Structures are given as structure tokens and as C-alpha cells.
PDB file of N, CA and C in Angstrom:
ATOM      1  N   MET A   1      28.346 -12.594 -16.587  1.00  0.00           N
ATOM      2  CA  MET A   1      28.728 -12.023 -15.317  1.00  0.00           C
ATOM      3  C   MET A   1      27.951 -10.745 -15.022  1.00  0.00           C
ATOM      4  N   TYR A   2      27.766  -9.892 -16.046  1.00  0.00           N
ATOM      5  CA  TYR A   2      27.030  -8.653 -15.842  1.00  0.00           C
ATOM      6  C   TYR A   2      25.555  -8.923 -15.553  1.00  0.00           C
ATOM      7  N   VAL A   3      25.028  -9.956 -16.165  1.00  0.00           N
ATOM      8  CA  VAL A   3      23.622 -10.289 -15.946  1.00  0.00           C
ATOM      9  C   VAL A   3      23.408 -10.740 -14.508  1.00  0.00           C
ATOM     10  N   LEU A   4      24.309 -11.538 -13.995  1.00  0.00           N
ATOM     11  CA  LEU A   4      24.187 -12.023 -12.620  1.00  0.00           C
ATOM     12  C   LEU A   4      24.294 -10.877 -11.617  1.00  0.00           C
ATOM     13  N   SER A   5      25.222  -9.963 -11.842  1.00  0.00           N
ATOM     14  CA  SER A   5      25.356  -8.834 -10.917  1.00  0.00           C
ATOM     15  C   SER A   5      24.140  -7.916 -10.996  1.00  0.00           C
ATOM     16  N   ALA A   6      23.549  -7.769 -12.170  1.00  0.00           N
ATOM     17  CA  ALA A   6      22.340  -6.959 -12.309  1.00  0.00           C
ATOM     18  C   ALA A   6      21.171  -7.607 -11.577  1.00  0.00           C
ATOM     19  N   ILE A   7      21.035  -8.912 -11.696  1.00  0.00           N
ATOM     20  CA  ILE A   7      19.953  -9.624 -11.018  1.00  0.00           C
ATOM     21  C   ILE A   7      20.106  -9.522  -9.508  1.00  0.00           C
ATOM     22  N   VAL A   8      21.314  -9.719  -9.021  1.00  0.00           N
ATOM     23  CA  VAL A   8      21.561  -9.658  -7.573  1.00  0.00           C
ATOM     24  C   VAL A   8      21.326  -8.250  -7.043  1.00  0.00           C
ATOM     25  N   SER A   9      21.818  -7.239  -7.756  1.00  0.00           N
ATOM     26  CA  SER A   9      21.664  -5.864  -7.265  1.00  0.00           C
ATOM     27  C   SER A   9      20.205  -5.432  -7.284  1.00  0.00           C
ATOM     28  N   LEU A  10      19.449  -5.789  -8.308  1.00  0.00           N
ATOM     29  CA  LEU A  10      18.031  -5.433  -8.352  1.00  0.00           C
ATOM     30  C   LEU A  10      17.227  -6.194  -7.306  1.00  0.00           C
ATOM     31  N   THR A  11      17.604  -7.433  -7.037  1.00  0.00           N
ATOM     32  CA  THR A  11      16.932  -8.204  -5.993  1.00  0.00           C
ATOM     33  C   THR A  11      17.176  -7.586  -4.625  1.00  0.00           C
ATOM     34  N   LEU A  12      18.412  -7.222  -4.347  1.00  0.00           N
ATOM     35  CA  LEU A  12      18.726  -6.579  -3.065  1.00  0.00           C
ATOM     36  C   LEU A  12      18.037  -5.224  -2.936  1.00  0.00           C
ATOM     37  N   LEU A  13      17.986  -4.477  -4.016  1.00  0.00           N
ATOM     38  CA  LEU A  13      17.301  -3.189  -3.999  1.00  0.00           C
ATOM     39  C   LEU A  13      15.811  -3.368  -3.737  1.00  0.00           C
ATOM     40  N   GLY A  14      15.192  -4.341  -4.380  1.00  0.00           N
ATOM     41  CA  GLY A  14      13.773  -4.609  -4.174  1.00  0.00           C
ATOM     42  C   GLY A  14      13.467  -5.065  -2.762  1.00  0.00           C
ATOM     43  N   LEU A  15      14.305  -5.936  -2.220  1.00  0.00           N
ATOM     44  CA  LEU A  15      14.093  -6.402  -0.848  1.00  0.00           C
ATOM     45  C   LEU A  15      14.265  -5.276   0.163  1.00  0.00           C
ATOM     46  N   THR A  16      15.271  -4.448  -0.048  1.00  0.00           N
ATOM     47  CA  THR A  16      15.516  -3.334   0.873  1.00  0.00           C
ATOM     48  C   THR A  16      14.369  -2.330   0.840  1.00  0.00           C
ATOM     49  N   LEU A  17      13.953  -1.948  -0.355  1.00  0.00           N
ATOM     50  CA  LEU A  17      12.856  -0.987  -0.461  1.00  0.00           C
ATOM     51  C   LEU A  17      11.543  -1.572   0.042  1.00  0.00           C
ATOM     52  N   GLY A  18      11.306  -2.845  -0.195  1.00  0.00           N
ATOM     53  CA  GLY A  18      10.106  -3.489   0.331  1.00  0.00           C
ATOM     54  C   GLY A  18      10.100  -3.532   1.845  1.00  0.00           C
ATOM     55  N   PHE A  19      11.250  -3.805   2.433  1.00  0.00           N
ATOM     56  CA  PHE A  19      11.366  -3.809   3.889  1.00  0.00           C
ATOM     57  C   PHE A  19      11.111  -2.417   4.454  1.00  0.00           C
ATOM     58  N   LEU A  20      11.683  -1.397   3.819  1.00  0.00           N
ATOM     59  CA  LEU A  20      11.474  -0.023   4.279  1.00  0.00           C
ATOM     60  C   LEU A  20      10.017   0.412   4.119  1.00  0.00           C
ATOM     61  N   LEU A  21       9.370   0.003   3.048  1.00  0.00           N
ATOM     62  CA  LEU A  21       7.956   0.321   2.870  1.00  0.00           C
ATOM     63  C   LEU A  21       7.090  -0.372   3.909  1.00  0.00           C
ATOM     64  N   GLY A  22       7.443  -1.589   4.273  1.00  0.00           N
ATOM     65  CA  GLY A  22       6.707  -2.297   5.317  1.00  0.00           C
ATOM     66  C   GLY A  22       6.825  -1.613   6.662  1.00  0.00           C
ATOM     67  N   ILE A  23       8.024  -1.138   6.979  1.00  0.00           N
ATOM     68  CA  ILE A  23       8.221  -0.408   8.235  1.00  0.00           C
ATOM     69  C   ILE A  23       7.454   0.909   8.205  1.00  0.00           C
ATOM     70  N   ALA A  24       7.517   1.623   7.084  1.00  0.00           N
ATOM     71  CA  ALA A  24       6.818   2.901   6.972  1.00  0.00           C
ATOM     72  C   ALA A  24       5.312   2.710   7.074  1.00  0.00           C
ATOM     73  N   ALA A  25       4.782   1.640   6.496  1.00  0.00           N
ATOM     74  CA  ALA A  25       3.343   1.390   6.569  1.00  0.00           C
ATOM     75  C   ALA A  25       2.909   1.109   7.999  1.00  0.00           C
ATOM     76  N   ARG A  26       3.762   0.490   8.763  1.00  0.00           N
ATOM     77  CA  ARG A  26       3.423   0.189  10.156  1.00  0.00           C
ATOM     78  C   ARG A  26       3.437   1.448  11.021  1.00  0.00           C
ATOM     79  N   TYR A  27       4.443   2.297  10.838  1.00  0.00           N
ATOM     80  CA  TYR A  27       4.585   3.477  11.694  1.00  0.00           C
ATOM     81  C   TYR A  27       3.753   4.672  11.231  1.00  0.00           C
ATOM     82  N   LEU A  28       3.409   4.742   9.959  1.00  0.00           N
ATOM     83  CA  LEU A  28       2.676   5.886   9.425  1.00  0.00           C
ATOM     84  C   LEU A  28       1.215   5.558   9.143  1.00  0.00           C
ATOM     85  N   LYS A  29       0.692   4.532   9.809  1.00  0.00           N
ATOM     86  CA  LYS A  29      -0.682   4.103   9.575  1.00  0.00           C
ATOM     87  C   LYS A  29      -1.654   5.176  10.058  1.00  0.00           C
ATOM     88  N   VAL A  30      -2.688   5.443   9.258  1.00  0.00           N
ATOM     89  CA  VAL A  30      -3.694   6.440   9.597  1.00  0.00           C
ATOM     90  C   VAL A  30      -4.913   5.711  10.141  1.00  0.00           C
ATOM     91  N   GLU A  31      -5.305   6.078  11.343  1.00  0.00           N
ATOM     92  CA  GLU A  31      -6.479   5.468  11.961  1.00  0.00           C
ATOM     93  C   GLU A  31      -7.746   6.088  11.367  1.00  0.00           C
ATOM     94  N   SER A  32      -8.735   5.263  11.113  1.00  0.00           N
ATOM     95  CA  SER A  32      -9.988   5.725  10.541  1.00  0.00           C
ATOM     96  C   SER A  32     -10.941   6.154  11.646  1.00  0.00           C
ATOM     97  N   SER A  33     -11.667   7.215  11.378  1.00  0.00           N
ATOM     98  CA  SER A  33     -12.631   7.732  12.343  1.00  0.00           C
ATOM     99  C   SER A  33     -13.924   6.922  12.255  1.00  0.00           C
ATOM    100  N   PRO A  34     -14.559   6.587  13.379  1.00  0.00           N
ATOM    101  CA  PRO A  34     -15.821   5.846  13.328  1.00  0.00           C
ATOM    102  C   PRO A  34     -16.932   6.635  12.644  1.00  0.00           C
ATOM    103  N   ILE A  35     -16.882   7.956  12.715  1.00  0.00           N
ATOM    104  CA  ILE A  35     -17.901   8.775  12.050  1.00  0.00           C
ATOM    105  C   ILE A  35     -17.768   8.650  10.537  1.00  0.00           C
ATOM    106  N   VAL A  36     -16.551   8.652  10.040  1.00  0.00           N
ATOM    107  CA  VAL A  36     -16.317   8.512   8.606  1.00  0.00           C
ATOM    108  C   VAL A  36     -16.769   7.141   8.135  1.00  0.00           C
ATOM    109  N   ASP A  37     -16.494   6.103   8.898  1.00  0.00           N
ATOM    110  CA  ASP A  37     -16.934   4.754   8.530  1.00  0.00           C
ATOM    111  C   ASP A  37     -18.454   4.666   8.473  1.00  0.00           C
ATOM    112  N   GLU A  38     -19.131   5.302   9.416  1.00  0.00           N
ATOM    113  CA  GLU A  38     -20.596   5.277   9.430  1.00  0.00           C
ATOM    114  C   GLU A  38     -21.166   6.034   8.236  1.00  0.00           C
ATOM    115  N   LEU A  39     -20.588   7.173   7.904  1.00  0.00           N
ATOM    116  CA  LEU A  39     -21.057   7.939   6.746  1.00  0.00           C
ATOM    117  C   LEU A  39     -20.815   7.190   5.442  1.00  0.00           C
ATOM    118  N   GLU A  40     -19.683   6.536   5.315  1.00  0.00           N
ATOM    119  CA  GLU A  40     -19.396   5.773   4.098  1.00  0.00           C
ATOM    120  C   GLU A  40     -20.340   4.591   3.940  1.00  0.00           C
ATOM    121  N   SER A  41     -20.798   4.012   5.039  1.00  0.00           N
ATOM    122  CA  SER A  41     -21.742   2.901   4.934  1.00  0.00           C
ATOM    123  C   SER A  41     -23.111   3.384   4.481  1.00  0.00           C
ATOM    124  N   LEU A  42     -23.442   4.649   4.725  1.00  0.00           N
ATOM    125  CA  LEU A  42     -24.731   5.194   4.301  1.00  0.00           C
ATOM    126  C   LEU A  42     -24.729   5.629   2.839  1.00  0.00           C
ATOM    127  N   LEU A  43     -23.569   5.974   2.308  1.00  0.00           N
ATOM    128  CA  LEU A  43     -23.471   6.450   0.932  1.00  0.00           C
ATOM    129  C   LEU A  43     -23.388   5.278  -0.040  1.00  0.00           C
ATOM    130  N   PRO A  44     -23.894   5.470  -1.270  1.00  0.00           N
ATOM    131  CA  PRO A  44     -23.756   4.398  -2.261  1.00  0.00           C
ATOM    132  C   PRO A  44     -22.304   4.263  -2.698  1.00  0.00           C
ATOM    133  N   GLY A  45     -21.944   3.077  -3.131  1.00  0.00           N
ATOM    134  CA  GLY A  45     -20.577   2.841  -3.589  1.00  0.00           C
ATOM    135  C   GLY A  45     -20.351   3.417  -4.972  1.00  0.00           C
ATOM    136  N   SER A  46     -19.139   3.308  -5.466  1.00  0.00           N
ATOM    137  CA  SER A  46     -18.822   3.880  -6.777  1.00  0.00           C
ATOM    138  C   SER A  46     -19.440   3.068  -7.912  1.00  0.00           C
ATOM    139  N   GLN A  47     -19.793   1.830  -7.663  1.00  0.00           N
ATOM    140  CA  GLN A  47     -20.395   0.973  -8.684  1.00  0.00           C
ATOM    141  C   GLN A  47     -21.860   0.693  -8.360  1.00  0.00           C
ATOM    142  N   CYS A  48     -22.586   1.723  -7.942  1.00  0.00           N
ATOM    143  CA  CYS A  48     -23.952   1.499  -7.462  1.00  0.00           C
ATOM    144  C   CYS A  48     -24.957   1.377  -8.596  1.00  0.00           C
ATOM    145  N   GLY A  49     -24.690   1.962  -9.761  1.00  0.00           N
ATOM    146  CA  GLY A  49     -25.606   1.892 -10.887  1.00  0.00           C
ATOM    147  C   GLY A  49     -26.729   2.909 -10.812  1.00  0.00           C
ATOM    148  N   GLN A  50     -26.639   3.908  -9.962  1.00  0.00           N
ATOM    149  CA  GLN A  50     -27.681   4.914  -9.839  1.00  0.00           C
ATOM    150  C   GLN A  50     -27.442   6.117 -10.747  1.00  0.00           C
ATOM    151  N   CYS A  51     -26.420   6.079 -11.523  1.00  0.00           N
ATOM    152  CA  CYS A  51     -26.113   7.237 -12.386  1.00  0.00           C
ATOM    153  C   CYS A  51     -27.171   7.355 -13.449  1.00  0.00           C
TER     154      CYS A  51
END
């Protein structure tokens, strides 16, 4: 009985927090600047092998 209640409570907690994170990601989204995107395309990536 305790195992079932633990599974149900953790499942509900996970679903609730996941739903809240999804809402927060939608409303708190940061728009990227086109200048930053252009500069990042000119720079080498972190795995460029130029070290």
C-alpha cells in the first residue's frame, strides 16, 4: 500500500512540475538577437580542433 501511494504521489508531482516548467518555458522565452546569431556563425565552435 505504501509503495502504491509513493508511486502515485511522485507521478503526480512529476506531472505537475513538468506542466509548470512547460508553461514557464513558453512565457519566459528569451528571443535571440540577429547580431548575436551572425557573430556566433563566424566564430569557431567548441569542438573545432584549433587548440
